[in-house]
Amino acid sequence: LEDGEGKWLIILFAVLMNILFIMYDRLLITLTR
């Protein structure tokens, strides 16, 4: 985090990365098939 950014961005980053990962997992299954 840069100075002045809120700590809530860590939670937002984690949530967005988990959503991205779930989408990536589904995409890999589809691409493999």
PDB file of all heavy atoms in Angstrom:
ATOM      1  N   LEU A   1       0.839  -1.195   0.000  1.00  0.00           N
ATOM      2  CA  LEU A   1       0.000   0.000   0.000  1.00  0.00           C
ATOM      3  C   LEU A   1       0.874   1.245   0.000  1.00  0.00           C
ATOM      4  O   LEU A   1       1.917   1.278   0.648  1.00  0.00           O
ATOM      5  CB  LEU A   1      -0.894   0.032   1.245  1.00  0.00           C
ATOM      6  CG  LEU A   1      -1.937  -1.067   1.379  1.00  0.00           C
ATOM      7  CD1 LEU A   1      -2.617  -0.956   2.724  1.00  0.00           C
ATOM      8  CD2 LEU A   1      -2.961  -0.986   0.268  1.00  0.00           C
ATOM      9  N   GLU A   2       0.451   2.241  -0.744  1.00  0.00           N
ATOM     10  CA  GLU A   2       1.124   3.533  -0.701  1.00  0.00           C
ATOM     11  C   GLU A   2       0.665   4.274   0.549  1.00  0.00           C
ATOM     12  O   GLU A   2      -0.374   3.967   1.132  1.00  0.00           O
ATOM     13  CB  GLU A   2       0.783   4.354  -1.958  1.00  0.00           C
ATOM     14  CG  GLU A   2       1.192   3.688  -3.251  1.00  0.00           C
ATOM     15  CD  GLU A   2       2.694   3.550  -3.408  1.00  0.00           C
ATOM     16  OE1 GLU A   2       3.440   4.413  -2.904  1.00  0.00           O
ATOM     17  OE2 GLU A   2       3.125   2.572  -4.030  1.00  0.00           O
ATOM     18  N   ASP A   3       1.439   5.245   0.969  1.00  0.00           N
ATOM     19  CA  ASP A   3       1.053   6.043   2.140  1.00  0.00           C
ATOM     20  C   ASP A   3      -0.292   6.714   1.891  1.00  0.00           C
ATOM     21  O   ASP A   3      -0.552   7.242   0.818  1.00  0.00           O
ATOM     22  CB  ASP A   3       2.112   7.104   2.440  1.00  0.00           C
ATOM     23  CG  ASP A   3       3.415   6.491   2.927  1.00  0.00           C
ATOM     24  OD1 ASP A   3       3.362   5.369   3.462  1.00  0.00           O
ATOM     25  OD2 ASP A   3       4.465   7.135   2.770  1.00  0.00           O
ATOM     26  N   GLY A   4      -1.140   6.696   2.902  1.00  0.00           N
ATOM     27  CA  GLY A   4      -2.445   7.324   2.810  1.00  0.00           C
ATOM     28  C   GLY A   4      -3.551   6.402   2.326  1.00  0.00           C
ATOM     29  O   GLY A   4      -4.713   6.764   2.392  1.00  0.00           O
ATOM     30  N   GLU A   5      -3.231   5.229   1.823  1.00  0.00           N
ATOM     31  CA  GLU A   5      -4.270   4.296   1.391  1.00  0.00           C
ATOM     32  C   GLU A   5      -4.781   3.516   2.592  1.00  0.00           C
ATOM     33  O   GLU A   5      -4.029   3.179   3.494  1.00  0.00           O
ATOM     34  CB  GLU A   5      -3.732   3.347   0.321  1.00  0.00           C
ATOM     35  CG  GLU A   5      -3.425   4.029  -0.986  1.00  0.00           C
ATOM     36  CD  GLU A   5      -2.919   3.068  -2.038  1.00  0.00           C
ATOM     37  OE1 GLU A   5      -2.603   1.915  -1.703  1.00  0.00           O
ATOM     38  OE2 GLU A   5      -2.845   3.478  -3.204  1.00  0.00           O
ATOM     39  N   GLY A   6      -6.057   3.221   2.599  1.00  0.00           N
ATOM     40  CA  GLY A   6      -6.668   2.532   3.722  1.00  0.00           C
ATOM     41  C   GLY A   6      -6.322   1.053   3.762  1.00  0.00           C
ATOM     42  O   GLY A   6      -6.048   0.426   2.744  1.00  0.00           O
ATOM     43  N   LYS A   7      -6.338   0.514   4.959  1.00  0.00           N
ATOM     44  CA  LYS A   7      -6.059  -0.911   5.146  1.00  0.00           C
ATOM     45  C   LYS A   7      -7.177  -1.781   4.583  1.00  0.00           C
ATOM     46  O   LYS A   7      -6.974  -2.960   4.343  1.00  0.00           O
ATOM     47  CB  LYS A   7      -5.862  -1.227   6.642  1.00  0.00           C
ATOM     48  CG  LYS A   7      -4.733  -0.445   7.279  1.00  0.00           C
ATOM     49  CD  LYS A   7      -3.405  -0.866   6.728  1.00  0.00           C
ATOM     50  CE  LYS A   7      -2.299  -0.103   7.450  1.00  0.00           C
ATOM     51  NZ  LYS A   7      -1.025  -0.188   6.810  1.00  0.00           N
ATOM     52  N   TRP A   8      -8.348  -1.208   4.352  1.00  0.00           N
ATOM     53  CA  TRP A   8      -9.450  -1.982   3.789  1.00  0.00           C
ATOM     54  C   TRP A   8      -9.135  -2.444   2.368  1.00  0.00           C
ATOM     55  O   TRP A   8      -9.747  -3.376   1.872  1.00  0.00           O
ATOM     56  CB  TRP A   8     -10.744  -1.180   3.825  1.00  0.00           C
ATOM     57  CG  TRP A   8     -10.683   0.081   3.001  1.00  0.00           C
ATOM     58  CD1 TRP A   8     -10.266   1.308   3.401  1.00  0.00           C
ATOM     59  CD2 TRP A   8     -11.034   0.206   1.619  1.00  0.00           C
ATOM     60  NE1 TRP A   8     -10.318   2.196   2.356  1.00  0.00           N
ATOM     61  CE2 TRP A   8     -10.794   1.543   1.245  1.00  0.00           C
ATOM     62  CE3 TRP A   8     -11.511  -0.680   0.660  1.00  0.00           C
ATOM     63  CZ2 TRP A   8     -11.020   2.009  -0.040  1.00  0.00           C
ATOM     64  CZ3 TRP A   8     -11.740  -0.201  -0.620  1.00  0.00           C
ATOM     65  CH2 TRP A   8     -11.498   1.129  -0.956  1.00  0.00           C
ATOM     66  N   LEU A   9      -8.166  -1.802   1.729  1.00  0.00           N
ATOM     67  CA  LEU A   9      -7.772  -2.225   0.390  1.00  0.00           C
ATOM     68  C   LEU A   9      -7.171  -3.631   0.388  1.00  0.00           C
ATOM     69  O   LEU A   9      -7.262  -4.338  -0.616  1.00  0.00           O
ATOM     70  CB  LEU A   9      -6.787  -1.232  -0.214  1.00  0.00           C
ATOM     71  CG  LEU A   9      -7.391   0.070  -0.727  1.00  0.00           C
ATOM     72  CD1 LEU A   9      -6.314   1.014  -1.221  1.00  0.00           C
ATOM     73  CD2 LEU A   9      -8.409  -0.190  -1.811  1.00  0.00           C
ATOM     74  N   ILE A  10      -6.576  -4.033   1.501  1.00  0.00           N
ATOM     75  CA  ILE A  10      -6.041  -5.393   1.600  1.00  0.00           C
ATOM     76  C   ILE A  10      -7.175  -6.407   1.491  1.00  0.00           C
ATOM     77  O   ILE A  10      -7.065  -7.404   0.767  1.00  0.00           O
ATOM     78  CB  ILE A  10      -5.254  -5.584   2.912  1.00  0.00           C
ATOM     79  CG1 ILE A  10      -4.017  -4.685   2.913  1.00  0.00           C
ATOM     80  CG2 ILE A  10      -4.877  -7.041   3.131  1.00  0.00           C
ATOM     81  CD1 ILE A  10      -3.272  -4.659   4.227  1.00  0.00           C
ATOM     82  N   ILE A  11      -8.269  -6.132   2.191  1.00  0.00           N
ATOM     83  CA  ILE A  11      -9.429  -7.026   2.145  1.00  0.00           C
ATOM     84  C   ILE A  11     -10.042  -7.019   0.748  1.00  0.00           C
ATOM     85  O   ILE A  11     -10.361  -8.086   0.193  1.00  0.00           O
ATOM     86  CB  ILE A  11     -10.463  -6.623   3.213  1.00  0.00           C
ATOM     87  CG1 ILE A  11      -9.857  -6.798   4.606  1.00  0.00           C
ATOM     88  CG2 ILE A  11     -11.759  -7.414   3.059  1.00  0.00           C
ATOM     89  CD1 ILE A  11     -10.665  -6.207   5.721  1.00  0.00           C
ATOM     90  N   LEU A  12     -10.186  -5.847   0.153  1.00  0.00           N
ATOM     91  CA  LEU A  12     -10.728  -5.745  -1.195  1.00  0.00           C
ATOM     92  C   LEU A  12      -9.844  -6.488  -2.196  1.00  0.00           C
ATOM     93  O   LEU A  12     -10.341  -7.229  -3.049  1.00  0.00           O
ATOM     94  CB  LEU A  12     -10.863  -4.276  -1.604  1.00  0.00           C
ATOM     95  CG  LEU A  12     -11.400  -4.011  -3.000  1.00  0.00           C
ATOM     96  CD1 LEU A  12     -12.828  -4.538  -3.144  1.00  0.00           C
ATOM     97  CD2 LEU A  12     -11.328  -2.535  -3.334  1.00  0.00           C
ATOM     98  N   PHE A  13      -8.536  -6.331  -2.075  1.00  0.00           N
ATOM     99  CA  PHE A  13      -7.594  -7.026  -2.949  1.00  0.00           C
ATOM    100  C   PHE A  13      -7.752  -8.540  -2.811  1.00  0.00           C
ATOM    101  O   PHE A  13      -7.812  -9.255  -3.807  1.00  0.00           O
ATOM    102  CB  PHE A  13      -6.160  -6.599  -2.604  1.00  0.00           C
ATOM    103  CG  PHE A  13      -5.100  -7.344  -3.366  1.00  0.00           C
ATOM    104  CD1 PHE A  13      -4.833  -7.032  -4.690  1.00  0.00           C
ATOM    105  CD2 PHE A  13      -4.372  -8.354  -2.761  1.00  0.00           C
ATOM    106  CE1 PHE A  13      -3.863  -7.717  -5.403  1.00  0.00           C
ATOM    107  CE2 PHE A  13      -3.391  -9.049  -3.456  1.00  0.00           C
ATOM    108  CZ  PHE A  13      -3.138  -8.726  -4.789  1.00  0.00           C
ATOM    109  N   ALA A  14      -7.839  -9.023  -1.573  1.00  0.00           N
ATOM    110  CA  ALA A  14      -7.973 -10.466  -1.339  1.00  0.00           C
ATOM    111  C   ALA A  14      -9.279 -11.005  -1.923  1.00  0.00           C
ATOM    112  O   ALA A  14      -9.293 -12.068  -2.554  1.00  0.00           O
ATOM    113  CB  ALA A  14      -7.884 -10.767   0.152  1.00  0.00           C
ATOM    114  N   VAL A  15     -10.361 -10.287  -1.731  1.00  0.00           N
ATOM    115  CA  VAL A  15     -11.651 -10.731  -2.262  1.00  0.00           C
ATOM    116  C   VAL A  15     -11.621 -10.763  -3.788  1.00  0.00           C
ATOM    117  O   VAL A  15     -12.045 -11.748  -4.413  1.00  0.00           O
ATOM    118  CB  VAL A  15     -12.793  -9.814  -1.748  1.00  0.00           C
ATOM    119  CG1 VAL A  15     -14.095 -10.068  -2.505  1.00  0.00           C
ATOM    120  CG2 VAL A  15     -13.000 -10.005  -0.258  1.00  0.00           C
ATOM    121  N   LEU A  16     -11.109  -9.692  -4.397  1.00  0.00           N
ATOM    122  CA  LEU A  16     -11.039  -9.647  -5.858  1.00  0.00           C
ATOM    123  C   LEU A  16     -10.114 -10.723  -6.422  1.00  0.00           C
ATOM    124  O   LEU A  16     -10.412 -11.318  -7.461  1.00  0.00           O
ATOM    125  CB  LEU A  16     -10.603  -8.257  -6.319  1.00  0.00           C
ATOM    126  CG  LEU A  16     -11.623  -7.135  -6.099  1.00  0.00           C
ATOM    127  CD1 LEU A  16     -11.028  -5.792  -6.495  1.00  0.00           C
ATOM    128  CD2 LEU A  16     -12.912  -7.403  -6.846  1.00  0.00           C
ATOM    129  N   MET A  17      -9.008 -10.983  -5.752  1.00  0.00           N
ATOM    130  CA  MET A  17      -8.097 -12.028  -6.213  1.00  0.00           C
ATOM    131  C   MET A  17      -8.737 -13.414  -6.094  1.00  0.00           C
ATOM    132  O   MET A  17      -8.510 -14.273  -6.946  1.00  0.00           O
ATOM    133  CB  MET A  17      -6.782 -11.980  -5.437  1.00  0.00           C
ATOM    134  CG  MET A  17      -5.880 -10.823  -5.842  1.00  0.00           C
ATOM    135  SD  MET A  17      -5.431 -10.814  -7.592  1.00  0.00           S
ATOM    136  CE  MET A  17      -4.401 -12.262  -7.697  1.00  0.00           C
ATOM    137  N   ASN A  18      -9.531 -13.635  -5.058  1.00  0.00           N
ATOM    138  CA  ASN A  18     -10.230 -14.920  -4.923  1.00  0.00           C
ATOM    139  C   ASN A  18     -11.272 -15.100  -6.027  1.00  0.00           C
ATOM    140  O   ASN A  18     -11.410 -16.190  -6.574  1.00  0.00           O
ATOM    141  CB  ASN A  18     -10.868 -15.042  -3.540  1.00  0.00           C
ATOM    142  CG  ASN A  18      -9.892 -15.516  -2.513  1.00  0.00           C
ATOM    143  OD1 ASN A  18      -9.631 -16.703  -2.414  1.00  0.00           O
ATOM    144  ND2 ASN A  18      -9.310 -14.586  -1.763  1.00  0.00           N
ATOM    145  N   ILE A  19     -11.988 -14.037  -6.356  1.00  0.00           N
ATOM    146  CA  ILE A  19     -12.950 -14.094  -7.456  1.00  0.00           C
ATOM    147  C   ILE A  19     -12.219 -14.373  -8.770  1.00  0.00           C
ATOM    148  O   ILE A  19     -12.641 -15.224  -9.560  1.00  0.00           O
ATOM    149  CB  ILE A  19     -13.768 -12.786  -7.534  1.00  0.00           C
ATOM    150  CG1 ILE A  19     -14.681 -12.671  -6.308  1.00  0.00           C
ATOM    151  CG2 ILE A  19     -14.572 -12.718  -8.833  1.00  0.00           C
ATOM    152  CD1 ILE A  19     -15.335 -11.319  -6.149  1.00  0.00           C
ATOM    153  N   LEU A  20     -11.111 -13.679  -8.975  1.00  0.00           N
ATOM    154  CA  LEU A  20     -10.302 -13.885 -10.167  1.00  0.00           C
ATOM    155  C   LEU A  20      -9.786 -15.322 -10.244  1.00  0.00           C
ATOM    156  O   LEU A  20      -9.812 -15.949 -11.299  1.00  0.00           O
ATOM    157  CB  LEU A  20      -9.131 -12.899 -10.185  1.00  0.00           C
ATOM    158  CG  LEU A  20      -8.228 -12.930 -11.406  1.00  0.00           C
ATOM    159  CD1 LEU A  20      -8.994 -12.483 -12.642  1.00  0.00           C
ATOM    160  CD2 LEU A  20      -7.019 -12.049 -11.170  1.00  0.00           C
ATOM    161  N   PHE A  21      -9.353 -15.859  -9.117  1.00  0.00           N
ATOM    162  CA  PHE A  21      -8.851 -17.227  -9.085  1.00  0.00           C
ATOM    163  C   PHE A  21      -9.953 -18.237  -9.414  1.00  0.00           C
ATOM    164  O   PHE A  21      -9.723 -19.196 -10.160  1.00  0.00           O
ATOM    165  CB  PHE A  21      -8.234 -17.551  -7.721  1.00  0.00           C
ATOM    166  CG  PHE A  21      -7.826 -18.986  -7.597  1.00  0.00           C
ATOM    167  CD1 PHE A  21      -6.709 -19.457  -8.270  1.00  0.00           C
ATOM    168  CD2 PHE A  21      -8.559 -19.875  -6.830  1.00  0.00           C
ATOM    169  CE1 PHE A  21      -6.331 -20.786  -8.185  1.00  0.00           C
ATOM    170  CE2 PHE A  21      -8.193 -21.197  -6.731  1.00  0.00           C
ATOM    171  CZ  PHE A  21      -7.068 -21.655  -7.410  1.00  0.00           C
ATOM    172  N   ILE A  22     -11.138 -18.046  -8.878  1.00  0.00           N
ATOM    173  CA  ILE A  22     -12.245 -18.963  -9.164  1.00  0.00           C
ATOM    174  C   ILE A  22     -12.597 -18.911 -10.653  1.00  0.00           C
ATOM    175  O   ILE A  22     -12.834 -19.943 -11.281  1.00  0.00           O
ATOM    176  CB  ILE A  22     -13.464 -18.645  -8.270  1.00  0.00           C
ATOM    177  CG1 ILE A  22     -13.135 -18.995  -6.810  1.00  0.00           C
ATOM    178  CG2 ILE A  22     -14.708 -19.391  -8.745  1.00  0.00           C
ATOM    179  CD1 ILE A  22     -14.138 -18.504  -5.802  1.00  0.00           C
ATOM    180  N   MET A  23     -12.585 -17.715 -11.226  1.00  0.00           N
ATOM    181  CA  MET A  23     -12.836 -17.584 -12.661  1.00  0.00           C
ATOM    182  C   MET A  23     -11.721 -18.255 -13.465  1.00  0.00           C
ATOM    183  O   MET A  23     -11.993 -18.913 -14.475  1.00  0.00           O
ATOM    184  CB  MET A  23     -12.972 -16.101 -13.038  1.00  0.00           C
ATOM    185  CG  MET A  23     -14.234 -15.470 -12.504  1.00  0.00           C
ATOM    186  SD  MET A  23     -14.385 -13.673 -12.664  1.00  0.00           S
ATOM    187  CE  MET A  23     -13.628 -13.281 -14.193  1.00  0.00           C
ATOM    188  N   TYR A  24     -10.485 -18.106 -13.025  1.00  0.00           N
ATOM    189  CA  TYR A  24      -9.347 -18.736 -13.690  1.00  0.00           C
ATOM    190  C   TYR A  24      -9.456 -20.257 -13.623  1.00  0.00           C
ATOM    191  O   TYR A  24      -9.211 -20.949 -14.606  1.00  0.00           O
ATOM    192  CB  TYR A  24      -8.049 -18.258 -13.033  1.00  0.00           C
ATOM    193  CG  TYR A  24      -6.783 -18.809 -13.625  1.00  0.00           C
ATOM    194  CD1 TYR A  24      -6.383 -18.470 -14.910  1.00  0.00           C
ATOM    195  CD2 TYR A  24      -5.960 -19.651 -12.890  1.00  0.00           C
ATOM    196  CE1 TYR A  24      -5.200 -18.955 -15.448  1.00  0.00           C
ATOM    197  CE2 TYR A  24      -4.781 -20.144 -13.419  1.00  0.00           C
ATOM    198  CZ  TYR A  24      -4.406 -19.795 -14.704  1.00  0.00           C
ATOM    199  OH  TYR A  24      -3.239 -20.288 -15.232  1.00  0.00           O
ATOM    200  N   ASP A  25      -9.852 -20.769 -12.478  1.00  0.00           N
ATOM    201  CA  ASP A  25     -10.023 -22.213 -12.311  1.00  0.00           C
ATOM    202  C   ASP A  25     -11.089 -22.736 -13.279  1.00  0.00           C
ATOM    203  O   ASP A  25     -10.880 -23.747 -13.943  1.00  0.00           O
ATOM    204  CB  ASP A  25     -10.409 -22.510 -10.857  1.00  0.00           C
ATOM    205  CG  ASP A  25     -10.537 -23.992 -10.593  1.00  0.00           C
ATOM    206  OD1 ASP A  25      -9.546 -24.718 -10.818  1.00  0.00           O
ATOM    207  OD2 ASP A  25     -11.623 -24.432 -10.163  1.00  0.00           O
ATOM    208  N   ARG A  26     -12.204 -22.068 -13.373  1.00  0.00           N
ATOM    209  CA  ARG A  26     -13.271 -22.465 -14.300  1.00  0.00           C
ATOM    210  C   ARG A  26     -12.775 -22.373 -15.749  1.00  0.00           C
ATOM    211  O   ARG A  26     -13.076 -23.246 -16.566  1.00  0.00           O
ATOM    212  CB  ARG A  26     -14.513 -21.570 -14.149  1.00  0.00           C
ATOM    213  CG  ARG A  26     -15.199 -21.663 -12.816  1.00  0.00           C
ATOM    214  CD  ARG A  26     -16.013 -22.930 -12.689  1.00  0.00           C
ATOM    215  NE  ARG A  26     -15.282 -23.834 -11.814  1.00  0.00           N
ATOM    216  CZ  ARG A  26     -15.469 -25.118 -11.694  1.00  0.00           C
ATOM    217  NH1 ARG A  26     -16.374 -25.723 -12.414  1.00  0.00           N
ATOM    218  NH2 ARG A  26     -14.760 -25.859 -10.886  1.00  0.00           N
ATOM    219  N   LEU A  27     -12.029 -21.313 -16.058  1.00  0.00           N
ATOM    220  CA  LEU A  27     -11.497 -21.142 -17.405  1.00  0.00           C
ATOM    221  C   LEU A  27     -10.539 -22.272 -17.766  1.00  0.00           C
ATOM    222  O   LEU A  27     -10.577 -22.795 -18.879  1.00  0.00           O
ATOM    223  CB  LEU A  27     -10.791 -19.790 -17.529  1.00  0.00           C
ATOM    224  CG  LEU A  27     -10.152 -19.478 -18.881  1.00  0.00           C
ATOM    225  CD1 LEU A  27     -11.206 -19.397 -19.969  1.00  0.00           C
ATOM    226  CD2 LEU A  27      -9.357 -18.185 -18.797  1.00  0.00           C
ATOM    227  N   LEU A  28      -9.701 -22.682 -16.825  1.00  0.00           N
ATOM    228  CA  LEU A  28      -8.771 -23.780 -17.087  1.00  0.00           C
ATOM    229  C   LEU A  28      -9.513 -25.084 -17.359  1.00  0.00           C
ATOM    230  O   LEU A  28      -9.120 -25.857 -18.240  1.00  0.00           O
ATOM    231  CB  LEU A  28      -7.808 -23.972 -15.918  1.00  0.00           C
ATOM    232  CG  LEU A  28      -6.701 -22.945 -15.768  1.00  0.00           C
ATOM    233  CD1 LEU A  28      -5.878 -23.242 -14.524  1.00  0.00           C
ATOM    234  CD2 LEU A  28      -5.805 -22.896 -16.991  1.00  0.00           C
ATOM    235  N   ILE A  29     -10.566 -25.336 -16.615  1.00  0.00           N
ATOM    236  CA  ILE A  29     -11.364 -26.543 -16.843  1.00  0.00           C
ATOM    237  C   ILE A  29     -11.972 -26.510 -18.246  1.00  0.00           C
ATOM    238  O   ILE A  29     -11.909 -27.496 -18.990  1.00  0.00           O
ATOM    239  CB  ILE A  29     -12.464 -26.687 -15.759  1.00  0.00           C
ATOM    240  CG1 ILE A  29     -11.823 -26.976 -14.403  1.00  0.00           C
ATOM    241  CG2 ILE A  29     -13.472 -27.761 -16.139  1.00  0.00           C
ATOM    242  CD1 ILE A  29     -12.769 -26.878 -13.230  1.00  0.00           C
ATOM    243  N   THR A  30     -12.517 -25.371 -18.626  1.00  0.00           N
ATOM    244  CA  THR A  30     -13.120 -25.226 -19.952  1.00  0.00           C
ATOM    245  C   THR A  30     -12.074 -25.342 -21.056  1.00  0.00           C
ATOM    246  O   THR A  30     -12.294 -26.043 -22.052  1.00  0.00           O
ATOM    247  CB  THR A  30     -13.851 -23.869 -20.059  1.00  0.00           C
ATOM    248  OG1 THR A  30     -14.809 -23.786 -19.009  1.00  0.00           O
ATOM    249  CG2 THR A  30     -14.541 -23.719 -21.396  1.00  0.00           C
ATOM    250  N   LEU A  31     -10.931 -24.681 -20.887  1.00  0.00           N
ATOM    251  CA  LEU A  31      -9.885 -24.743 -21.902  1.00  0.00           C
ATOM    252  C   LEU A  31      -9.303 -26.151 -22.032  1.00  0.00           C
ATOM    253  O   LEU A  31      -8.985 -26.588 -23.142  1.00  0.00           O
ATOM    254  CB  LEU A  31      -8.775 -23.749 -21.585  1.00  0.00           C
ATOM    255  CG  LEU A  31      -9.087 -22.288 -21.864  1.00  0.00           C
ATOM    256  CD1 LEU A  31      -7.931 -21.399 -21.417  1.00  0.00           C
ATOM    257  CD2 LEU A  31      -9.406 -22.054 -23.319  1.00  0.00           C
ATOM    258  N   THR A  32      -9.166 -26.850 -20.921  1.00  0.00           N
ATOM    259  CA  THR A  32      -8.667 -28.219 -20.977  1.00  0.00           C
ATOM    260  C   THR A  32      -9.625 -29.101 -21.758  1.00  0.00           C
ATOM    261  O   THR A  32      -9.212 -29.890 -22.615  1.00  0.00           O
ATOM    262  CB  THR A  32      -8.456 -28.783 -19.556  1.00  0.00           C
ATOM    263  OG1 THR A  32      -7.537 -27.948 -18.857  1.00  0.00           O
ATOM    264  CG2 THR A  32      -7.933 -30.198 -19.589  1.00  0.00           C
ATOM    265  N   ARG A  33     -10.884 -28.972 -21.482  1.00  0.00           N
ATOM    266  CA  ARG A  33     -11.895 -29.764 -22.197  1.00  0.00           C
ATOM    267  C   ARG A  33     -11.921 -29.403 -23.682  1.00  0.00           C
ATOM    268  O   ARG A  33     -11.979 -30.270 -24.544  1.00  0.00           O
ATOM    269  CB  ARG A  33     -13.278 -29.538 -21.556  1.00  0.00           C
ATOM    270  CG  ARG A  33     -14.327 -30.424 -22.091  1.00  0.00           C
ATOM    271  CD  ARG A  33     -14.103 -31.864 -21.655  1.00  0.00           C
ATOM    272  NE  ARG A  33     -15.080 -32.690 -22.326  1.00  0.00           N
ATOM    273  CZ  ARG A  33     -14.805 -33.842 -22.915  1.00  0.00           C
ATOM    274  NH1 ARG A  33     -13.600 -34.337 -22.867  1.00  0.00           N
ATOM    275  NH2 ARG A  33     -15.743 -34.509 -23.516  1.00  0.00           N
TER     276      ARG A  33
END
